[in-house]
Each structure stands twice: as C-alpha cells, then as structure tokens.
C-alpha cells in the first residue's frame, strides 16, 4: 500500500520530519501503517518570491507588487507566475501585469498576463528576448488592481503548480510567500441624477 501524505510547511526553515512511534490506521479501513521509520528531509529554496503586503483606501485603484530575493547570478531568463485572487479583488485591465522598474528587472523581458474571472487566477509569463537575466533584489512584477468597495483583509496567494523560474538549463527552486491586501474603510457612495429628488 502506498500512502501519499500532504503536509504544509509553515516557515522557511528546512529539516528532518519524523513520525512519532506507534501505528496509524488508514481512514475507512483496518490496515495499520507503521510510519515511525520513515523520516524525510524538507528543503527550502534560498530564492524567495513574495507577494508584498499592501494597503489601500476603499474604491481606489492600487498596485500589487511581487518581489524576489537577490537573483544576481541565478541566470533567470524566464518565469511564470500564477496568483489566485479572492472574490472582490480583481486585476485591472486586459494585461494587468508589468515588469517592475526596479533593479531586479531587465528591460529586455517581454511579459504577458491574463486574468481568468472563473478561477480567479492571474497567469503571468515573462521571457528575456535578449538573453539578459533578472538581477538584484526588489520588485520584479507590478500588478494593477481595480478598486475594492468593501473594507477588510484579502489573502492573495500563489498557485505553486503554475509558478516557476528558469535558467538556461531549466527550472530553479523558489520559496513562494503569499501576501495580504488590506482595504481601509468603504467606498463613498455616488449618486446619479436619477437618484436626486427636489422639492418644488
């Protein structure tokens, strides 16, 4: 019997995972599983890609920044990002993502992005047309956001299966860190001419 365990790593520290002594029983059956002799290592990539936390007033358009740790020397010439948005928060425009004008980016990168309203997922693909590499530390992508009418905290998360960075030899590892958009207050109501009544 092969068991696939799904674990969540809650910090950026690697190490060895071991199970306590004893027997575990598979759900829905009487087959015991002895896991106490099955240690395995968790390795955390040194490259960190982060959705930066941000705050905005309700109703105002804003920018969501995605940053990276020092990419100098990593040889990154292409990357894909997949970001999931909660209901109420949406990227702005048909091609909402752009290469950030910080040191970490290169002018030779071409970027394409598309937001799927059904799955609430933003897909970003970027490639260096001239072979230049991402370098330095800081923002690599800016995403324009439409105004959010209701105040609150909204979690914005990477979809790990659709996010990767590549050098000339293929994918390289990266630790993905999700972020939060804080919307302060509620949008001011607006009135149309039809909503206004006058006393004559």
C-alpha atoms as a PDB file:
ATOM      1  CA  UNK A   1       0.000   0.000   0.000  1.00  0.00           C
ATOM      2  CA  UNK A   2       1.341   3.418  -0.950  1.00  0.00           C
ATOM      3  CA  UNK A   3       0.222   6.395   1.126  1.00  0.00           C
ATOM      4  CA  UNK A   4       0.577   9.966  -0.121  1.00  0.00           C
ATOM      5  CA  UNK A   5       0.754  12.468   2.718  1.00  0.00           C
ATOM      6  CA  UNK A   6       0.093  16.152   2.113  1.00  0.00           C
ATOM      7  CA  UNK A   7       1.967  18.385   4.562  1.00  0.00           C
ATOM      8  CA  UNK A   8       2.153  22.159   4.926  1.00  0.00           C
ATOM      9  CA  UNK A   9       5.480  23.836   5.693  1.00  0.00           C
ATOM     10  CA  UNK A  10       4.628  26.815   7.891  1.00  0.00           C
ATOM     11  CA  UNK A  11       8.014  28.556   7.940  1.00  0.00           C
ATOM     12  CA  UNK A  12      11.152  28.883   5.842  1.00  0.00           C
ATOM     13  CA  UNK A  13      13.290  26.513   7.893  1.00  0.00           C
ATOM     14  CA  UNK A  14      14.321  23.161   6.442  1.00  0.00           C
ATOM     15  CA  UNK A  15      14.946  19.998   8.465  1.00  0.00           C
ATOM     16  CA  UNK A  16      14.008  16.375   9.020  1.00  0.00           C
ATOM     17  CA  UNK A  17      10.410  15.282   9.578  1.00  0.00           C
ATOM     18  CA  UNK A  18       9.815  12.126  11.644  1.00  0.00           C
ATOM     19  CA  UNK A  19       6.629  10.499  12.847  1.00  0.00           C
ATOM     20  CA  UNK A  20       6.044   9.528  16.490  1.00  0.00           C
ATOM     21  CA  UNK A  21       6.271   5.828  17.426  1.00  0.00           C
ATOM     22  CA  UNK A  22       3.074   3.864  17.085  1.00  0.00           C
ATOM     23  CA  UNK A  23       0.727   2.651  14.449  1.00  0.00           C
ATOM     24  CA  UNK A  24      -1.603   4.685  12.246  1.00  0.00           C
ATOM     25  CA  UNK A  25      -4.763   3.295  10.702  1.00  0.00           C
ATOM     26  CA  UNK A  26      -5.832   4.324   7.231  1.00  0.00           C
ATOM     27  CA  UNK A  27      -9.224   6.035   7.187  1.00  0.00           C
ATOM     28  CA  UNK A  28     -12.050   3.687   6.313  1.00  0.00           C
ATOM     29  CA  UNK A  29     -10.080   0.516   6.919  1.00  0.00           C
ATOM     30  CA  UNK A  30      -8.299  -1.693   9.419  1.00  0.00           C
ATOM     31  CA  UNK A  31      -4.890  -1.732   7.736  1.00  0.00           C
ATOM     32  CA  UNK A  32      -2.233  -0.403  10.139  1.00  0.00           C
ATOM     33  CA  UNK A  33       0.626   1.738   8.845  1.00  0.00           C
ATOM     34  CA  UNK A  34       3.869   1.992  10.789  1.00  0.00           C
ATOM     35  CA  UNK A  35       5.431   5.319   9.838  1.00  0.00           C
ATOM     36  CA  UNK A  36       7.893   5.827  12.663  1.00  0.00           C
ATOM     37  CA  UNK A  37      10.820   4.676  10.495  1.00  0.00           C
ATOM     38  CA  UNK A  38      10.084   6.931   7.564  1.00  0.00           C
ATOM     39  CA  UNK A  39      11.978  10.201   8.137  1.00  0.00           C
ATOM     40  CA  UNK A  40      12.371  12.603   5.219  1.00  0.00           C
ATOM     41  CA  UNK A  41      14.025  15.957   4.693  1.00  0.00           C
ATOM     42  CA  UNK A  42      12.318  19.250   3.863  1.00  0.00           C
ATOM     43  CA  UNK A  43      14.485  21.537   1.773  1.00  0.00           C
ATOM     44  CA  UNK A  44      13.585  25.210   1.412  1.00  0.00           C
ATOM     45  CA  UNK A  45      14.871  27.056  -1.642  1.00  0.00           C
ATOM     46  CA  UNK A  46      17.099  30.045  -0.954  1.00  0.00           C
ATOM     47  CA  UNK A  47      15.316  32.120  -3.615  1.00  0.00           C
ATOM     48  CA  UNK A  48      12.250  33.751  -2.113  1.00  0.00           C
ATOM     49  CA  UNK A  49       9.443  35.208  -4.184  1.00  0.00           C
ATOM     50  CA  UNK A  50       6.941  37.257  -2.206  1.00  0.00           C
ATOM     51  CA  UNK A  51       3.579  38.910  -2.771  1.00  0.00           C
ATOM     52  CA  UNK A  52       4.117  42.129  -0.861  1.00  0.00           C
ATOM     53  CA  UNK A  53       1.509  43.123   1.716  1.00  0.00           C
ATOM     54  CA  UNK A  54      -0.200  46.381   0.799  1.00  0.00           C
ATOM     55  CA  UNK A  55      -2.930  48.727   1.998  1.00  0.00           C
ATOM     56  CA  UNK A  56      -5.308  50.962   0.057  1.00  0.00           C
ATOM     57  CA  UNK A  57      -8.376  53.080   0.649  1.00  0.00           C
ATOM     58  CA  UNK A  58     -11.666  51.528  -0.466  1.00  0.00           C
ATOM     59  CA  UNK A  59     -12.613  52.425  -4.006  1.00  0.00           C
ATOM     60  CA  UNK A  60      -9.075  53.429  -5.022  1.00  0.00           C
ATOM     61  CA  UNK A  61      -7.059  51.648  -7.679  1.00  0.00           C
ATOM     62  CA  UNK A  62      -3.756  50.251  -6.438  1.00  0.00           C
ATOM     63  CA  UNK A  63      -0.683  48.234  -7.384  1.00  0.00           C
ATOM     64  CA  UNK A  64       0.245  44.793  -6.095  1.00  0.00           C
ATOM     65  CA  UNK A  65       3.997  44.158  -6.098  1.00  0.00           C
ATOM     66  CA  UNK A  66       5.724  40.782  -6.403  1.00  0.00           C
ATOM     67  CA  UNK A  67       9.331  40.818  -5.236  1.00  0.00           C
ATOM     68  CA  UNK A  68      12.270  38.414  -5.165  1.00  0.00           C
ATOM     69  CA  UNK A  69      15.365  37.878  -3.075  1.00  0.00           C
ATOM     70  CA  UNK A  70      18.738  38.534  -4.713  1.00  0.00           C
ATOM     71  CA  UNK A  71      18.563  36.934  -8.165  1.00  0.00           C
ATOM     72  CA  UNK A  72      22.018  38.053  -9.262  1.00  0.00           C
ATOM     73  CA  UNK A  73      23.932  35.113 -10.682  1.00  0.00           C
ATOM     74  CA  UNK A  74      20.925  32.786 -10.753  1.00  0.00           C
ATOM     75  CA  UNK A  75      20.649  33.056 -14.545  1.00  0.00           C
ATOM     76  CA  UNK A  76      16.879  33.620 -14.592  1.00  0.00           C
ATOM     77  CA  UNK A  77      15.825  34.336 -18.172  1.00  0.00           C
ATOM     78  CA  UNK A  78      12.151  33.326 -17.943  1.00  0.00           C
ATOM     79  CA  UNK A  79       9.447  32.939 -15.335  1.00  0.00           C
ATOM     80  CA  UNK A  80       5.776  32.086 -14.935  1.00  0.00           C
ATOM     81  CA  UNK A  81       3.572  33.316 -12.106  1.00  0.00           C
ATOM     82  CA  UNK A  82       0.129  32.076 -11.128  1.00  0.00           C
ATOM     83  CA  UNK A  83      -1.686  34.138  -8.491  1.00  0.00           C
ATOM     84  CA  UNK A  84      -5.106  33.432  -7.008  1.00  0.00           C
ATOM     85  CA  UNK A  85      -7.373  36.331  -6.050  1.00  0.00           C
ATOM     86  CA  UNK A  86     -10.333  36.226  -3.643  1.00  0.00           C
ATOM     87  CA  UNK A  87     -13.807  37.397  -4.623  1.00  0.00           C
ATOM     88  CA  UNK A  88     -13.985  41.171  -4.644  1.00  0.00           C
ATOM     89  CA  UNK A  89     -10.353  41.757  -5.653  1.00  0.00           C
ATOM     90  CA  UNK A  90      -9.501  41.803  -9.365  1.00  0.00           C
ATOM     91  CA  UNK A  91      -6.544  42.833 -11.543  1.00  0.00           C
ATOM     92  CA  UNK A  92      -7.149  45.903 -13.695  1.00  0.00           C
ATOM     93  CA  UNK A  93      -7.234  45.818 -17.495  1.00  0.00           C
ATOM     94  CA  UNK A  94      -6.596  43.189 -20.163  1.00  0.00           C
ATOM     95  CA  UNK A  95      -2.854  42.879 -19.441  1.00  0.00           C
ATOM     96  CA  UNK A  96      -2.596  43.925 -15.770  1.00  0.00           C
ATOM     97  CA  UNK A  97       0.983  42.798 -15.028  1.00  0.00           C
ATOM     98  CA  UNK A  98       4.145  44.652 -15.984  1.00  0.00           C
ATOM     99  CA  UNK A  99       7.850  44.282 -15.294  1.00  0.00           C
ATOM    100  CA  UNK A 100       8.630  46.481 -12.308  1.00  0.00           C
ATOM    101  CA  UNK A 101      11.035  49.348 -12.974  1.00  0.00           C
ATOM    102  CA  UNK A 102      13.340  48.289 -10.132  1.00  0.00           C
ATOM    103  CA  UNK A 103      16.862  46.918 -10.203  1.00  0.00           C
ATOM    104  CA  UNK A 104      15.649  43.315 -10.116  1.00  0.00           C
ATOM    105  CA  UNK A 105      14.148  43.538 -13.594  1.00  0.00           C
ATOM    106  CA  UNK A 106      15.541  43.883 -17.076  1.00  0.00           C
ATOM    107  CA  UNK A 107      14.210  45.951 -19.962  1.00  0.00           C
ATOM    108  CA  UNK A 108      14.685  43.023 -22.353  1.00  0.00           C
ATOM    109  CA  UNK A 109      11.897  40.996 -20.718  1.00  0.00           C
ATOM    110  CA  UNK A 110       8.585  40.637 -22.545  1.00  0.00           C
ATOM    111  CA  UNK A 111       5.622  39.952 -20.273  1.00  0.00           C
ATOM    112  CA  UNK A 112       2.107  38.693 -20.944  1.00  0.00           C
ATOM    113  CA  UNK A 113      -0.665  38.352 -18.380  1.00  0.00           C
ATOM    114  CA  UNK A 114      -4.292  37.268 -18.304  1.00  0.00           C
ATOM    115  CA  UNK A 115      -6.902  37.074 -15.552  1.00  0.00           C
ATOM    116  CA  UNK A 116      -9.451  34.253 -15.559  1.00  0.00           C
ATOM    117  CA  UNK A 117     -12.523  35.513 -13.715  1.00  0.00           C
ATOM    118  CA  UNK A 118     -13.931  31.992 -13.384  1.00  0.00           C
ATOM    119  CA  UNK A 119     -10.985  30.528 -11.483  1.00  0.00           C
ATOM    120  CA  UNK A 120      -9.928  33.921 -10.048  1.00  0.00           C
ATOM    121  CA  UNK A 121      -6.390  33.228 -11.278  1.00  0.00           C
ATOM    122  CA  UNK A 122      -3.905  35.634 -12.841  1.00  0.00           C
ATOM    123  CA  UNK A 123      -1.391  33.965 -15.164  1.00  0.00           C
ATOM    124  CA  UNK A 124       1.841  35.802 -15.970  1.00  0.00           C
ATOM    125  CA  UNK A 125       4.533  34.682 -18.420  1.00  0.00           C
ATOM    126  CA  UNK A 126       7.793  36.576 -18.977  1.00  0.00           C
ATOM    127  CA  UNK A 127      10.847  35.813 -21.099  1.00  0.00           C
ATOM    128  CA  UNK A 128      14.068  37.645 -21.873  1.00  0.00           C
ATOM    129  CA  UNK A 129      14.173  38.354 -25.601  1.00  0.00           C
ATOM    130  CA  UNK A 130      17.837  39.392 -25.468  1.00  0.00           C
ATOM    131  CA  UNK A 131      19.076  36.755 -23.056  1.00  0.00           C
ATOM    132  CA  UNK A 132      19.504  39.202 -20.148  1.00  0.00           C
ATOM    133  CA  UNK A 133      18.988  37.853 -16.655  1.00  0.00           C
ATOM    134  CA  UNK A 134      16.963  39.102 -13.730  1.00  0.00           C
ATOM    135  CA  UNK A 135      19.316  40.720 -11.240  1.00  0.00           C
ATOM    136  CA  UNK A 136      19.404  42.343  -7.848  1.00  0.00           C
ATOM    137  CA  UNK A 137      16.819  42.437  -5.081  1.00  0.00           C
ATOM    138  CA  UNK A 138      13.387  44.030  -5.224  1.00  0.00           C
ATOM    139  CA  UNK A 139      10.149  44.056  -7.169  1.00  0.00           C
ATOM    140  CA  UNK A 140      10.046  42.062 -10.366  1.00  0.00           C
ATOM    141  CA  UNK A 141       6.361  42.414 -11.310  1.00  0.00           C
ATOM    142  CA  UNK A 142       3.694  45.047 -10.612  1.00  0.00           C
ATOM    143  CA  UNK A 143       0.003  44.141 -10.983  1.00  0.00           C
ATOM    144  CA  UNK A 144      -2.611  46.885 -11.326  1.00  0.00           C
ATOM    145  CA  UNK A 145      -5.688  46.299  -9.155  1.00  0.00           C
ATOM    146  CA  UNK A 146      -9.177  47.673  -9.566  1.00  0.00           C
ATOM    147  CA  UNK A 147     -10.751  49.480  -6.649  1.00  0.00           C
ATOM    148  CA  UNK A 148     -12.317  47.343  -3.899  1.00  0.00           C
ATOM    149  CA  UNK A 149     -15.567  48.740  -2.489  1.00  0.00           C
ATOM    150  CA  UNK A 150     -15.645  46.925   0.858  1.00  0.00           C
ATOM    151  CA  UNK A 151     -13.043  47.216   3.597  1.00  0.00           C
ATOM    152  CA  UNK A 152     -11.275  44.177   5.013  1.00  0.00           C
ATOM    153  CA  UNK A 153      -8.239  41.940   4.633  1.00  0.00           C
ATOM    154  CA  UNK A 154      -7.926  39.851   1.475  1.00  0.00           C
ATOM    155  CA  UNK A 155      -5.451  36.987   1.118  1.00  0.00           C
ATOM    156  CA  UNK A 156      -3.677  36.807  -2.241  1.00  0.00           C
ATOM    157  CA  UNK A 157      -1.818  33.551  -2.835  1.00  0.00           C
ATOM    158  CA  UNK A 158       0.484  31.889  -5.322  1.00  0.00           C
ATOM    159  CA  UNK A 159      -0.648  28.799  -7.179  1.00  0.00           C
ATOM    160  CA  UNK A 160       2.544  26.781  -6.831  1.00  0.00           C
ATOM    161  CA  UNK A 161       1.850  24.475  -9.768  1.00  0.00           C
ATOM    162  CA  UNK A 162       1.763  27.433 -12.166  1.00  0.00           C
ATOM    163  CA  UNK A 163       4.725  29.380 -10.768  1.00  0.00           C
ATOM    164  CA  UNK A 164       8.334  28.729 -11.758  1.00  0.00           C
ATOM    165  CA  UNK A 165      11.623  30.429 -12.581  1.00  0.00           C
ATOM    166  CA  UNK A 166      14.023  29.128 -15.211  1.00  0.00           C
ATOM    167  CA  UNK A 167      17.647  29.498 -16.220  1.00  0.00           C
ATOM    168  CA  UNK A 168      19.148  28.174 -19.437  1.00  0.00           C
ATOM    169  CA  UNK A 169      19.093  24.619 -18.029  1.00  0.00           C
ATOM    170  CA  UNK A 170      15.506  24.557 -16.817  1.00  0.00           C
ATOM    171  CA  UNK A 171      13.527  25.353 -13.634  1.00  0.00           C
ATOM    172  CA  UNK A 172      15.239  26.549 -10.447  1.00  0.00           C
ATOM    173  CA  UNK A 173      13.813  26.376  -6.942  1.00  0.00           C
ATOM    174  CA  UNK A 174      11.978  29.223  -5.243  1.00  0.00           C
ATOM    175  CA  UNK A 175      10.138  29.576  -1.951  1.00  0.00           C
ATOM    176  CA  UNK A 176       6.761  31.281  -2.507  1.00  0.00           C
ATOM    177  CA  UNK A 177       5.367  33.631   0.156  1.00  0.00           C
ATOM    178  CA  UNK A 178       1.747  34.789  -0.037  1.00  0.00           C
ATOM    179  CA  UNK A 179       0.544  38.299   0.817  1.00  0.00           C
ATOM    180  CA  UNK A 180      -2.415  40.314   2.085  1.00  0.00           C
ATOM    181  CA  UNK A 181      -4.253  43.319   0.682  1.00  0.00           C
ATOM    182  CA  UNK A 182      -5.780  45.496   3.397  1.00  0.00           C
ATOM    183  CA  UNK A 183      -8.651  47.713   2.259  1.00  0.00           C
ATOM    184  CA  UNK A 184      -9.428  50.554   4.643  1.00  0.00           C
ATOM    185  CA  UNK A 185     -12.990  51.837   5.015  1.00  0.00           C
ATOM    186  CA  UNK A 186     -15.782  51.573   2.478  1.00  0.00           C
ATOM    187  CA  UNK A 187     -16.098  53.310  -0.861  1.00  0.00           C
ATOM    188  CA  UNK A 188     -18.040  56.570  -0.799  1.00  0.00           C
ATOM    189  CA  UNK A 189     -21.478  56.172  -2.381  1.00  0.00           C
ATOM    190  CA  UNK A 190     -22.113  58.024  -5.598  1.00  0.00           C
ATOM    191  CA  UNK A 191     -25.443  59.412  -6.722  1.00  0.00           C
ATOM    192  CA  UNK A 192     -26.730  59.764 -10.261  1.00  0.00           C
ATOM    193  CA  UNK A 193     -29.158  62.404 -11.429  1.00  0.00           C
ATOM    194  CA  UNK A 194     -31.941  59.843 -11.293  1.00  0.00           C
ATOM    195  CA  UNK A 195     -31.299  59.331  -7.575  1.00  0.00           C
ATOM    196  CA  UNK A 196     -31.742  63.024  -6.699  1.00  0.00           C
ATOM    197  CA  UNK A 197     -35.191  64.395  -5.876  1.00  0.00           C
ATOM    198  CA  UNK A 198     -36.012  68.040  -5.403  1.00  0.00           C
ATOM    199  CA  UNK A 199     -38.892  69.796  -3.691  1.00  0.00           C
ATOM    200  CA  UNK A 200     -40.581  72.440  -5.855  1.00  0.00           C
END
